[in-house]
């Protein structure tokens, strides 16, 4: 509550005195774009899922990709009723690799160069 005055000043400055509620329709357009941006960053649409690989010598199924709170891309792997999240930087790819695996290789090269 102590920041109401500061936030109102920002509203007037940033929105040319238009109230924030008039900007509400923008969220209809921004939110779906942000979801697409997150999916693109994970690579869901580039990699053929699910596929089987090995983690610690055990066969698992990579079901989907996800992003952690600190924006690390992980593969959600399952074996029976157990699930484990593995960084795609550490994920062993099967031979032959799944369709779209070149995206993971490109991401790995990019990550090493950071």
PDB file of N, CA and C in Angstrom:
ATOM      1  N   UNK A   1       0.825  -1.201   0.000  1.00  0.00           N
ATOM      2  CA  UNK A   1       0.000   0.000   0.000  1.00  0.00           C
ATOM      3  C   UNK A   1       0.866   1.261   0.000  1.00  0.00           C
ATOM      4  N   UNK A   2       2.060   1.150   0.543  1.00  0.00           N
ATOM      5  CA  UNK A   2       2.913   2.338   0.637  1.00  0.00           C
ATOM      6  C   UNK A   2       3.439   2.794  -0.730  1.00  0.00           C
ATOM      7  N   UNK A   3       3.270   1.980  -1.767  1.00  0.00           N
ATOM      8  CA  UNK A   3       3.799   2.330  -3.085  1.00  0.00           C
ATOM      9  C   UNK A   3       2.730   2.843  -4.047  1.00  0.00           C
ATOM     10  N   UNK A   4       1.527   3.038  -3.551  1.00  0.00           N
ATOM     11  CA  UNK A   4       0.439   3.483  -4.425  1.00  0.00           C
ATOM     12  C   UNK A   4       0.778   4.813  -5.079  1.00  0.00           C
ATOM     13  N   UNK A   5       1.248   5.757  -4.308  1.00  0.00           N
ATOM     14  CA  UNK A   5       1.561   7.077  -4.857  1.00  0.00           C
ATOM     15  C   UNK A   5       2.659   6.980  -5.921  1.00  0.00           C
ATOM     16  N   UNK A   6       3.696   6.188  -5.634  1.00  0.00           N
ATOM     17  CA  UNK A   6       4.788   6.007  -6.601  1.00  0.00           C
ATOM     18  C   UNK A   6       4.280   5.340  -7.879  1.00  0.00           C
ATOM     19  N   UNK A   7       3.449   4.308  -7.731  1.00  0.00           N
ATOM     20  CA  UNK A   7       2.910   3.613  -8.898  1.00  0.00           C
ATOM     21  C   UNK A   7       1.991   4.510  -9.723  1.00  0.00           C
ATOM     22  N   UNK A   8       1.220   5.354  -9.065  1.00  0.00           N
ATOM     23  CA  UNK A   8       0.346   6.278  -9.794  1.00  0.00           C
ATOM     24  C   UNK A   8       1.182   7.278 -10.594  1.00  0.00           C
ATOM     25  N   UNK A   9       2.294   7.734 -10.014  1.00  0.00           N
ATOM     26  CA  UNK A   9       3.177   8.656 -10.734  1.00  0.00           C
ATOM     27  C   UNK A   9       3.754   7.973 -11.975  1.00  0.00           C
ATOM     28  N   UNK A  10       4.147   6.717 -11.830  1.00  0.00           N
ATOM     29  CA  UNK A  10       4.668   5.962 -12.969  1.00  0.00           C
ATOM     30  C   UNK A  10       3.588   5.784 -14.031  1.00  0.00           C
ATOM     31  N   UNK A  11       2.366   5.507 -13.589  1.00  0.00           N
ATOM     32  CA  UNK A  11       1.250   5.323 -14.526  1.00  0.00           C
ATOM     33  C   UNK A  11       1.066   6.580 -15.358  1.00  0.00           C
ATOM     34  N   UNK A  12       1.067   7.714 -14.711  1.00  0.00           N
ATOM     35  CA  UNK A  12       0.858   8.977 -15.429  1.00  0.00           C
ATOM     36  C   UNK A  12       2.006   9.228 -16.400  1.00  0.00           C
ATOM     37  N   UNK A  13       3.241   8.951 -15.966  1.00  0.00           N
ATOM     38  CA  UNK A  13       4.413   9.164 -16.816  1.00  0.00           C
ATOM     39  C   UNK A  13       4.427   8.204 -18.008  1.00  0.00           C
ATOM     40  N   UNK A  14       4.252   6.912 -17.755  1.00  0.00           N
ATOM     41  CA  UNK A  14       4.391   5.887 -18.795  1.00  0.00           C
ATOM     42  C   UNK A  14       3.201   5.835 -19.746  1.00  0.00           C
ATOM     43  N   UNK A  15       2.023   6.161 -19.254  1.00  0.00           N
ATOM     44  CA  UNK A  15       0.811   5.964 -20.057  1.00  0.00           C
ATOM     45  C   UNK A  15       0.199   7.261 -20.547  1.00  0.00           C
ATOM     46  N   UNK A  16       0.953   8.332 -20.482  1.00  0.00           N
ATOM     47  CA  UNK A  16       0.438   9.621 -20.921  1.00  0.00           C
ATOM     48  C   UNK A  16      -0.901   9.922 -20.273  1.00  0.00           C
ATOM     49  N   UNK A  17      -0.974   9.671 -19.007  1.00  0.00           N
ATOM     50  CA  UNK A  17      -2.144   9.935 -18.170  1.00  0.00           C
ATOM     51  C   UNK A  17      -3.329   9.020 -18.453  1.00  0.00           C
ATOM     52  N   UNK A  18      -3.192   8.030 -19.335  1.00  0.00           N
ATOM     53  CA  UNK A  18      -4.273   7.055 -19.546  1.00  0.00           C
ATOM     54  C   UNK A  18      -4.252   6.078 -18.373  1.00  0.00           C
ATOM     55  N   UNK A  19      -5.395   5.784 -17.800  1.00  0.00           N
ATOM     56  CA  UNK A  19      -5.412   4.838 -16.679  1.00  0.00           C
ATOM     57  C   UNK A  19      -4.994   3.442 -17.126  1.00  0.00           C
ATOM     58  N   UNK A  20      -4.371   2.695 -16.211  1.00  0.00           N
ATOM     59  CA  UNK A  20      -3.898   1.354 -16.533  1.00  0.00           C
ATOM     60  C   UNK A  20      -5.022   0.462 -17.058  1.00  0.00           C
ATOM     61  N   UNK A  21      -6.246   0.604 -16.545  1.00  0.00           N
ATOM     62  CA  UNK A  21      -7.297  -0.316 -16.955  1.00  0.00           C
ATOM     63  C   UNK A  21      -7.605  -0.205 -18.439  1.00  0.00           C
ATOM     64  N   UNK A  22      -7.261   0.924 -19.069  1.00  0.00           N
ATOM     65  CA  UNK A  22      -7.480   1.014 -20.516  1.00  0.00           C
ATOM     66  C   UNK A  22      -6.463   0.189 -21.279  1.00  0.00           C
ATOM     67  N   UNK A  23      -5.371  -0.222 -20.618  1.00  0.00           N
ATOM     68  CA  UNK A  23      -4.351  -1.037 -21.266  1.00  0.00           C
ATOM     69  C   UNK A  23      -4.647  -2.522 -21.129  1.00  0.00           C
ATOM     70  N   UNK A  24      -5.685  -2.887 -20.407  1.00  0.00           N
ATOM     71  CA  UNK A  24      -6.016  -4.285 -20.162  1.00  0.00           C
ATOM     72  C   UNK A  24      -6.089  -5.147 -21.406  1.00  0.00           C
ATOM     73  N   UNK A  25      -6.703  -4.693 -22.505  1.00  0.00           N
ATOM     74  CA  UNK A  25      -6.783  -5.538 -23.703  1.00  0.00           C
ATOM     75  C   UNK A  25      -5.418  -5.939 -24.255  1.00  0.00           C
ATOM     76  N   UNK A  26      -4.371  -5.187 -23.949  1.00  0.00           N
ATOM     77  CA  UNK A  26      -3.043  -5.567 -24.433  1.00  0.00           C
ATOM     78  C   UNK A  26      -2.621  -6.933 -23.912  1.00  0.00           C
ATOM     79  N   UNK A  27      -3.052  -7.284 -22.704  1.00  0.00           N
ATOM     80  CA  UNK A  27      -2.645  -8.573 -22.141  1.00  0.00           C
ATOM     81  C   UNK A  27      -3.216  -9.736 -22.941  1.00  0.00           C
ATOM     82  N   UNK A  28      -4.318  -9.516 -23.621  1.00  0.00           N
ATOM     83  CA  UNK A  28      -4.905 -10.558 -24.461  1.00  0.00           C
ATOM     84  C   UNK A  28      -3.941 -10.901 -25.596  1.00  0.00           C
ATOM     85  N   UNK A  29      -3.218  -9.899 -26.078  1.00  0.00           N
ATOM     86  CA  UNK A  29      -2.284 -10.120 -27.178  1.00  0.00           C
ATOM     87  C   UNK A  29      -0.881 -10.485 -26.700  1.00  0.00           C
ATOM     88  N   UNK A  30      -0.464  -9.965 -25.563  1.00  0.00           N
ATOM     89  CA  UNK A  30       0.889 -10.202 -25.064  1.00  0.00           C
ATOM     90  C   UNK A  30       1.025 -11.588 -24.454  1.00  0.00           C
ATOM     91  N   UNK A  31       0.071 -12.025 -23.646  1.00  0.00           N
ATOM     92  CA  UNK A  31       0.198 -13.305 -22.938  1.00  0.00           C
ATOM     93  C   UNK A  31       0.377 -14.480 -23.895  1.00  0.00           C
ATOM     94  N   UNK A  32      -0.424 -14.635 -24.937  1.00  0.00           N
ATOM     95  CA  UNK A  32      -0.187 -15.758 -25.854  1.00  0.00           C
ATOM     96  C   UNK A  32       1.175 -15.665 -26.537  1.00  0.00           C
ATOM     97  N   UNK A  33       1.607 -14.469 -26.863  1.00  0.00           N
ATOM     98  CA  UNK A  33       2.918 -14.305 -27.492  1.00  0.00           C
ATOM     99  C   UNK A  33       4.019 -14.720 -26.531  1.00  0.00           C
ATOM    100  N   UNK A  34       3.873 -14.381 -25.255  1.00  0.00           N
ATOM    101  CA  UNK A  34       4.874 -14.767 -24.262  1.00  0.00           C
ATOM    102  C   UNK A  34       4.915 -16.289 -24.112  1.00  0.00           C
ATOM    103  N   UNK A  35       3.755 -16.940 -24.127  1.00  0.00           N
ATOM    104  CA  UNK A  35       3.719 -18.404 -24.033  1.00  0.00           C
ATOM    105  C   UNK A  35       4.416 -19.026 -25.237  1.00  0.00           C
ATOM    106  N   UNK A  36       4.198 -18.476 -26.419  1.00  0.00           N
ATOM    107  CA  UNK A  36       4.874 -18.970 -27.618  1.00  0.00           C
ATOM    108  C   UNK A  36       6.370 -18.741 -27.503  1.00  0.00           C
ATOM    109  N   UNK A  37       6.756 -17.581 -26.981  1.00  0.00           N
ATOM    110  CA  UNK A  37       8.174 -17.272 -26.788  1.00  0.00           C
ATOM    111  C   UNK A  37       8.821 -18.286 -25.853  1.00  0.00           C
ATOM    112  N   UNK A  38       8.141 -18.633 -24.747  1.00  0.00           N
ATOM    113  CA  UNK A  38       8.685 -19.618 -23.811  1.00  0.00           C
ATOM    114  C   UNK A  38       8.795 -20.984 -24.473  1.00  0.00           C
ATOM    115  N   UNK A  39       7.776 -21.401 -25.220  1.00  0.00           N
ATOM    116  CA  UNK A  39       7.814 -22.695 -25.897  1.00  0.00           C
ATOM    117  C   UNK A  39       8.954 -22.721 -26.908  1.00  0.00           C
ATOM    118  N   UNK A  40       9.141 -21.633 -27.642  1.00  0.00           N
ATOM    119  CA  UNK A  40      10.221 -21.567 -28.625  1.00  0.00           C
ATOM    120  C   UNK A  40      11.579 -21.655 -27.953  1.00  0.00           C
ATOM    121  N   UNK A  41      11.704 -21.037 -26.793  1.00  0.00           N
ATOM    122  CA  UNK A  41      12.973 -21.097 -26.072  1.00  0.00           C
ATOM    123  C   UNK A  41      13.272 -22.510 -25.617  1.00  0.00           C
ATOM    124  N   UNK A  42      12.246 -23.271 -25.269  1.00  0.00           N
ATOM    125  CA  UNK A  42      12.444 -24.660 -24.832  1.00  0.00           C
ATOM    126  C   UNK A  42      12.698 -25.579 -26.016  1.00  0.00           C
ATOM    127  N   UNK A  43      12.153 -25.274 -27.171  1.00  0.00           N
ATOM    128  CA  UNK A  43      12.348 -26.107 -28.346  1.00  0.00           C
ATOM    129  C   UNK A  43      11.292 -27.178 -28.525  1.00  0.00           C
ATOM    130  N   UNK A  44      10.174 -27.076 -27.803  1.00  0.00           N
ATOM    131  CA  UNK A  44       9.117 -28.097 -27.892  1.00  0.00           C
ATOM    132  C   UNK A  44       8.682 -28.373 -29.322  1.00  0.00           C
ATOM    133  N   UNK A  45       8.602 -27.332 -30.118  1.00  0.00           N
ATOM    134  CA  UNK A  45       8.081 -27.507 -31.471  1.00  0.00           C
ATOM    135  C   UNK A  45       9.148 -27.994 -32.452  1.00  0.00           C
ATOM    136  N   UNK A  46      10.397 -28.080 -32.017  1.00  0.00           N
ATOM    137  CA  UNK A  46      11.476 -28.505 -32.902  1.00  0.00           C
ATOM    138  C   UNK A  46      11.865 -29.967 -32.721  1.00  0.00           C
ATOM    139  N   UNK A  47      11.610 -30.520 -31.565  1.00  0.00           N
ATOM    140  CA  UNK A  47      12.086 -31.856 -31.211  1.00  0.00           C
ATOM    141  C   UNK A  47      10.934 -32.850 -31.199  1.00  0.00           C
ATOM    142  N   UNK A  48      11.099 -33.963 -31.886  1.00  0.00           N
ATOM    143  CA  UNK A  48      10.051 -34.981 -31.920  1.00  0.00           C
ATOM    144  C   UNK A  48      10.028 -35.716 -30.581  1.00  0.00           C
ATOM    145  N   UNK A  49       8.946 -35.556 -29.879  1.00  0.00           N
ATOM    146  CA  UNK A  49       8.760 -36.167 -28.557  1.00  0.00           C
ATOM    147  C   UNK A  49       7.568 -37.102 -28.591  1.00  0.00           C
ATOM    148  N   UNK A  50       7.511 -38.118 -27.770  1.00  0.00           N
ATOM    149  CA  UNK A  50       8.552 -38.593 -26.854  1.00  0.00           C
ATOM    150  C   UNK A  50       9.597 -39.419 -27.596  1.00  0.00           C
ATOM    151  N   UNK A  51      10.744 -39.616 -26.932  1.00  0.00           N
ATOM    152  CA  UNK A  51      11.759 -40.533 -27.446  1.00  0.00           C
ATOM    153  C   UNK A  51      12.456 -41.197 -26.265  1.00  0.00           C
ATOM    154  N   UNK A  52      13.097 -42.316 -26.537  1.00  0.00           N
ATOM    155  CA  UNK A  52      13.778 -43.079 -25.486  1.00  0.00           C
ATOM    156  C   UNK A  52      15.268 -42.803 -25.528  1.00  0.00           C
ATOM    157  N   UNK A  53      15.878 -42.753 -24.340  1.00  0.00           N
ATOM    158  CA  UNK A  53      17.318 -42.593 -24.210  1.00  0.00           C
ATOM    159  C   UNK A  53      17.742 -43.214 -22.883  1.00  0.00           C
ATOM    160  N   UNK A  54      18.997 -43.048 -22.521  1.00  0.00           N
ATOM    161  CA  UNK A  54      19.484 -43.589 -21.252  1.00  0.00           C
ATOM    162  C   UNK A  54      19.938 -42.467 -20.338  1.00  0.00           C
ATOM    163  N   UNK A  55      19.594 -42.604 -19.070  1.00  0.00           N
ATOM    164  CA  UNK A  55      20.062 -41.708 -18.020  1.00  0.00           C
ATOM    165  C   UNK A  55      20.627 -42.597 -16.927  1.00  0.00           C
ATOM    166  N   UNK A  56      21.896 -42.413 -16.616  1.00  0.00           N
ATOM    167  CA  UNK A  56      22.592 -43.228 -15.610  1.00  0.00           C
ATOM    168  C   UNK A  56      22.449 -44.718 -15.901  1.00  0.00           C
ATOM    169  N   UNK A  57      22.532 -45.081 -17.188  1.00  0.00           N
ATOM    170  CA  UNK A  57      22.485 -46.477 -17.583  1.00  0.00           C
ATOM    171  C   UNK A  57      21.108 -47.104 -17.605  1.00  0.00           C
ATOM    172  N   UNK A  58      20.074 -46.337 -17.369  1.00  0.00           N
ATOM    173  CA  UNK A  58      18.707 -46.877 -17.357  1.00  0.00           C
ATOM    174  C   UNK A  58      17.913 -46.232 -18.489  1.00  0.00           C
ATOM    175  N   UNK A  59      17.109 -47.054 -19.182  1.00  0.00           N
ATOM    176  CA  UNK A  59      16.289 -46.519 -20.258  1.00  0.00           C
ATOM    177  C   UNK A  59      15.154 -45.677 -19.695  1.00  0.00           C
ATOM    178  N   UNK A  60      14.993 -44.476 -20.256  1.00  0.00           N
ATOM    179  CA  UNK A  60      13.920 -43.562 -19.860  1.00  0.00           C
ATOM    180  C   UNK A  60      13.236 -43.050 -21.115  1.00  0.00           C
ATOM    181  N   UNK A  61      12.065 -42.489 -20.929  1.00  0.00           N
ATOM    182  CA  UNK A  61      11.343 -41.836 -22.012  1.00  0.00           C
ATOM    183  C   UNK A  61      11.364 -40.335 -21.765  1.00  0.00           C
ATOM    184  N   UNK A  62      11.867 -39.593 -22.721  1.00  0.00           N
ATOM    185  CA  UNK A  62      11.822 -38.130 -22.651  1.00  0.00           C
ATOM    186  C   UNK A  62      10.444 -37.726 -23.132  1.00  0.00           C
ATOM    187  N   UNK A  63       9.622 -37.231 -22.204  1.00  0.00           N
ATOM    188  CA  UNK A  63       8.230 -36.916 -22.521  1.00  0.00           C
ATOM    189  C   UNK A  63       8.027 -35.501 -23.035  1.00  0.00           C
ATOM    190  N   UNK A  64       8.756 -34.560 -22.445  1.00  0.00           N
ATOM    191  CA  UNK A  64       8.574 -33.160 -22.830  1.00  0.00           C
ATOM    192  C   UNK A  64       9.777 -32.360 -22.358  1.00  0.00           C
ATOM    193  N   UNK A  65       9.839 -31.131 -22.812  1.00  0.00           N
ATOM    194  CA  UNK A  65      10.851 -30.199 -22.330  1.00  0.00           C
ATOM    195  C   UNK A  65      10.168 -29.199 -21.423  1.00  0.00           C
ATOM    196  N   UNK A  66      10.918 -28.689 -20.484  1.00  0.00           N
ATOM    197  CA  UNK A  66      10.378 -27.728 -19.531  1.00  0.00           C
ATOM    198  C   UNK A  66      11.451 -26.703 -19.225  1.00  0.00           C
ATOM    199  N   UNK A  67      11.078 -25.641 -18.560  1.00  0.00           N
ATOM    200  CA  UNK A  67      12.028 -24.620 -18.176  1.00  0.00           C
ATOM    201  C   UNK A  67      11.955 -24.438 -16.665  1.00  0.00           C
ATOM    202  N   UNK A  68      13.103 -24.414 -16.015  1.00  0.00           N
ATOM    203  CA  UNK A  68      13.148 -24.238 -14.566  1.00  0.00           C
ATOM    204  C   UNK A  68      12.944 -22.771 -14.228  1.00  0.00           C
ATOM    205  N   UNK A  69      12.803 -22.486 -12.938  1.00  0.00           N
ATOM    206  CA  UNK A  69      12.627 -21.105 -12.496  1.00  0.00           C
ATOM    207  C   UNK A  69      13.820 -20.231 -12.871  1.00  0.00           C
ATOM    208  N   UNK A  70      15.019 -20.841 -12.939  1.00  0.00           N
ATOM    209  CA  UNK A  70      16.197 -20.061 -13.324  1.00  0.00           C
ATOM    210  C   UNK A  70      16.475 -20.159 -14.831  1.00  0.00           C
ATOM    211  N   UNK A  71      15.434 -20.523 -15.593  1.00  0.00           N
ATOM    212  CA  UNK A  71      15.424 -20.516 -17.056  1.00  0.00           C
ATOM    213  C   UNK A  71      16.407 -21.509 -17.683  1.00  0.00           C
ATOM    214  N   UNK A  72      16.596 -22.650 -17.034  1.00  0.00           N
ATOM    215  CA  UNK A  72      17.370 -23.742 -17.607  1.00  0.00           C
ATOM    216  C   UNK A  72      16.401 -24.681 -18.325  1.00  0.00           C
ATOM    217  N   UNK A  73      16.769 -25.140 -19.509  1.00  0.00           N
ATOM    218  CA  UNK A  73      15.909 -26.055 -20.260  1.00  0.00           C
ATOM    219  C   UNK A  73      16.220 -27.472 -19.798  1.00  0.00           C
ATOM    220  N   UNK A  74      15.175 -28.199 -19.424  1.00  0.00           N
ATOM    221  CA  UNK A  74      15.334 -29.567 -18.931  1.00  0.00           C
ATOM    222  C   UNK A  74      14.418 -30.505 -19.708  1.00  0.00           C
ATOM    223  N   UNK A  75      14.858 -31.754 -19.796  1.00  0.00           N
ATOM    224  CA  UNK A  75      14.028 -32.813 -20.370  1.00  0.00           C
ATOM    225  C   UNK A  75      13.333 -33.512 -19.212  1.00  0.00           C
ATOM    226  N   UNK A  76      12.027 -33.693 -19.313  1.00  0.00           N
ATOM    227  CA  UNK A  76      11.282 -34.430 -18.302  1.00  0.00           C
ATOM    228  C   UNK A  76      11.291 -35.886 -18.731  1.00  0.00           C
ATOM    229  N   UNK A  77      12.040 -36.697 -17.983  1.00  0.00           N
ATOM    230  CA  UNK A  77      12.232 -38.111 -18.311  1.00  0.00           C
ATOM    231  C   UNK A  77      11.417 -38.970 -17.349  1.00  0.00           C
ATOM    232  N   UNK A  78      10.837 -40.051 -17.871  1.00  0.00           N
ATOM    233  CA  UNK A  78      10.071 -40.942 -17.009  1.00  0.00           C
ATOM    234  C   UNK A  78      10.541 -42.375 -17.192  1.00  0.00           C
ATOM    235  N   UNK A  79      10.394 -43.130 -16.114  1.00  0.00           N
ATOM    236  CA  UNK A  79      10.647 -44.576 -16.120  1.00  0.00           C
ATOM    237  C   UNK A  79       9.638 -45.143 -15.139  1.00  0.00           C
ATOM    238  N   UNK A  80       8.669 -45.860 -15.667  1.00  0.00           N
ATOM    239  CA  UNK A  80       7.587 -46.345 -14.813  1.00  0.00           C
ATOM    240  C   UNK A  80       6.816 -45.158 -14.259  1.00  0.00           C
ATOM    241  N   UNK A  81       6.676 -45.117 -12.935  1.00  0.00           N
ATOM    242  CA  UNK A  81       5.948 -44.012 -12.292  1.00  0.00           C
ATOM    243  C   UNK A  81       6.870 -42.884 -11.851  1.00  0.00           C
ATOM    244  N   UNK A  82       8.169 -43.053 -12.044  1.00  0.00           N
ATOM    245  CA  UNK A  82       9.144 -42.041 -11.616  1.00  0.00           C
ATOM    246  C   UNK A  82       9.425 -41.052 -12.736  1.00  0.00           C
ATOM    247  N   UNK A  83       9.646 -39.816 -12.341  1.00  0.00           N
ATOM    248  CA  UNK A  83      10.031 -38.771 -13.285  1.00  0.00           C
ATOM    249  C   UNK A  83      11.288 -38.083 -12.775  1.00  0.00           C
ATOM    250  N   UNK A  84      12.121 -37.673 -13.699  1.00  0.00           N
ATOM    251  CA  UNK A  84      13.345 -36.958 -13.368  1.00  0.00           C
ATOM    252  C   UNK A  84      13.550 -35.865 -14.401  1.00  0.00           C
ATOM    253  N   UNK A  85      13.979 -34.708 -13.955  1.00  0.00           N
ATOM    254  CA  UNK A  85      14.284 -33.607 -14.868  1.00  0.00           C
ATOM    255  C   UNK A  85      15.795 -33.578 -15.076  1.00  0.00           C
ATOM    256  N   UNK A  86      16.202 -33.586 -16.340  1.00  0.00           N
ATOM    257  CA  UNK A  86      17.617 -33.612 -16.690  1.00  0.00           C
ATOM    258  C   UNK A  86      17.902 -32.440 -17.625  1.00  0.00           C
ATOM    259  N   UNK A  87      18.929 -31.683 -17.321  1.00  0.00           N
ATOM    260  CA  UNK A  87      19.312 -30.575 -18.194  1.00  0.00           C
ATOM    261  C   UNK A  87      19.574 -31.112 -19.599  1.00  0.00           C
ATOM    262  N   UNK A  88      19.102 -30.400 -20.613  1.00  0.00           N
ATOM    263  CA  UNK A  88      19.362 -30.886 -21.965  1.00  0.00           C
ATOM    264  C   UNK A  88      20.848 -30.773 -22.309  1.00  0.00           C
ATOM    265  N   UNK A  89      21.580 -29.993 -21.526  1.00  0.00           N
ATOM    266  CA  UNK A  89      23.029 -29.924 -21.728  1.00  0.00           C
ATOM    267  C   UNK A  89      23.684 -31.239 -21.337  1.00  0.00           C
ATOM    268  N   UNK A  90      23.061 -31.994 -20.425  1.00  0.00           N
ATOM    269  CA  UNK A  90      23.610 -33.251 -19.928  1.00  0.00           C
ATOM    270  C   UNK A  90      22.896 -34.484 -20.476  1.00  0.00           C
ATOM    271  N   UNK A  91      21.850 -34.292 -21.231  1.00  0.00           N
ATOM    272  CA  UNK A  91      21.046 -35.409 -21.717  1.00  0.00           C
ATOM    273  C   UNK A  91      21.787 -36.194 -22.796  1.00  0.00           C
ATOM    274  N   UNK A  92      21.875 -37.507 -22.610  1.00  0.00           N
ATOM    275  CA  UNK A  92      22.457 -38.380 -23.628  1.00  0.00           C
ATOM    276  C   UNK A  92      21.421 -38.595 -24.726  1.00  0.00           C
ATOM    277  N   UNK A  93      21.815 -38.332 -25.955  1.00  0.00           N
ATOM    278  CA  UNK A  93      20.897 -38.551 -27.071  1.00  0.00           C
ATOM    279  C   UNK A  93      21.067 -39.970 -27.593  1.00  0.00           C
ATOM    280  N   UNK A  94      19.978 -40.607 -27.996  1.00  0.00           N
ATOM    281  CA  UNK A  94      20.070 -41.977 -28.517  1.00  0.00           C
ATOM    282  C   UNK A  94      20.697 -41.987 -29.904  1.00  0.00           C
ATOM    283  N   UNK A  95      21.052 -43.183 -30.344  1.00  0.00           N
ATOM    284  CA  UNK A  95      21.565 -43.349 -31.689  1.00  0.00           C
ATOM    285  C   UNK A  95      20.632 -44.285 -32.445  1.00  0.00           C
ATOM    286  N   UNK A  96      19.943 -43.863 -33.455  1.00  0.00           N
ATOM    287  CA  UNK A  96      19.986 -42.540 -34.065  1.00  0.00           C
ATOM    288  C   UNK A  96      19.220 -41.523 -33.210  1.00  0.00           C
ATOM    289  N   UNK A  97      19.594 -40.262 -33.299  1.00  0.00           N
ATOM    290  CA  UNK A  97      18.912 -39.228 -32.515  1.00  0.00           C
ATOM    291  C   UNK A  97      17.503 -38.974 -33.046  1.00  0.00           C
ATOM    292  N   UNK A  98      16.635 -38.447 -32.183  1.00  0.00           N
ATOM    293  CA  UNK A  98      15.271 -38.138 -32.641  1.00  0.00           C
ATOM    294  C   UNK A  98      15.280 -36.972 -33.624  1.00  0.00           C
ATOM    295  N   UNK A  99      14.219 -36.894 -34.390  1.00  0.00           N
ATOM    296  CA  UNK A  99      14.057 -35.773 -35.315  1.00  0.00           C
ATOM    297  C   UNK A  99      14.097 -34.466 -34.527  1.00  0.00           C
ATOM    298  N   UNK A 100      14.878 -33.520 -34.997  1.00  0.00           N
ATOM    299  CA  UNK A 100      14.985 -32.225 -34.321  1.00  0.00           C
ATOM    300  C   UNK A 100      16.122 -32.158 -33.314  1.00  0.00           C
ATOM    301  N   UNK A 101      16.900 -33.230 -33.151  1.00  0.00           N
ATOM    302  CA  UNK A 101      17.987 -33.239 -32.172  1.00  0.00           C
ATOM    303  C   UNK A 101      19.066 -32.219 -32.507  1.00  0.00           C
ATOM    304  N   UNK A 102      19.120 -31.793 -33.760  1.00  0.00           N
ATOM    305  CA  UNK A 102      20.118 -30.775 -34.126  1.00  0.00           C
ATOM    306  C   UNK A 102      19.882 -29.486 -33.346  1.00  0.00           C
ATOM    307  N   UNK A 103      18.631 -29.255 -32.920  1.00  0.00           N
ATOM    308  CA  UNK A 103      18.335 -28.082 -32.102  1.00  0.00           C
ATOM    309  C   UNK A 103      19.064 -28.189 -30.758  1.00  0.00           C
ATOM    310  N   UNK A 104      19.083 -29.377 -30.158  1.00  0.00           N
ATOM    311  CA  UNK A 104      19.780 -29.571 -28.884  1.00  0.00           C
ATOM    312  C   UNK A 104      21.281 -29.362 -29.087  1.00  0.00           C
ATOM    313  N   UNK A 105      21.826 -29.914 -30.158  1.00  0.00           N
ATOM    314  CA  UNK A 105      23.260 -29.736 -30.432  1.00  0.00           C
ATOM    315  C   UNK A 105      23.598 -28.264 -30.623  1.00  0.00           C
ATOM    316  N   UNK A 106      22.769 -27.535 -31.342  1.00  0.00           N
ATOM    317  CA  UNK A 106      23.001 -26.100 -31.546  1.00  0.00           C
ATOM    318  C   UNK A 106      22.928 -25.361 -30.218  1.00  0.00           C
ATOM    319  N   UNK A 107      21.959 -25.721 -29.382  1.00  0.00           N
ATOM    320  CA  UNK A 107      21.833 -25.077 -28.074  1.00  0.00           C
ATOM    321  C   UNK A 107      23.062 -25.368 -27.223  1.00  0.00           C
ATOM    322  N   UNK A 108      23.565 -26.595 -27.273  1.00  0.00           N
ATOM    323  CA  UNK A 108      24.765 -26.952 -26.503  1.00  0.00           C
ATOM    324  C   UNK A 108      25.969 -26.136 -26.955  1.00  0.00           C
ATOM    325  N   UNK A 109      26.153 -25.981 -28.261  1.00  0.00           N
ATOM    326  CA  UNK A 109      27.265 -25.164 -28.752  1.00  0.00           C
ATOM    327  C   UNK A 109      27.116 -23.714 -28.280  1.00  0.00           C
ATOM    328  N   UNK A 110      25.896 -23.199 -28.338  1.00  0.00           N
ATOM    329  CA  UNK A 110      25.645 -21.835 -27.906  1.00  0.00           C
ATOM    330  C   UNK A 110      25.948 -21.686 -26.415  1.00  0.00           C
ATOM    331  N   UNK A 111      25.497 -22.649 -25.605  1.00  0.00           N
ATOM    332  CA  UNK A 111      25.685 -22.584 -24.144  1.00  0.00           C
ATOM    333  C   UNK A 111      27.169 -22.646 -23.775  1.00  0.00           C
ATOM    334  N   UNK A 112      27.948 -23.453 -24.481  1.00  0.00           N
ATOM    335  CA  UNK A 112      29.390 -23.534 -24.197  1.00  0.00           C
ATOM    336  C   UNK A 112      30.091 -22.225 -24.510  1.00  0.00           C
ATOM    337  N   UNK A 113      29.578 -21.505 -25.494  1.00  0.00           N
ATOM    338  CA  UNK A 113      30.204 -20.234 -25.899  1.00  0.00           C
ATOM    339  C   UNK A 113      29.872 -19.058 -25.016  1.00  0.00           C
ATOM    340  N   UNK A 114      28.929 -19.242 -24.088  1.00  0.00           N
ATOM    341  CA  UNK A 114      28.530 -18.121 -23.232  1.00  0.00           C
ATOM    342  C   UNK A 114      29.627 -17.708 -22.316  1.00  0.00           C
TER     343      UNK A 114
END
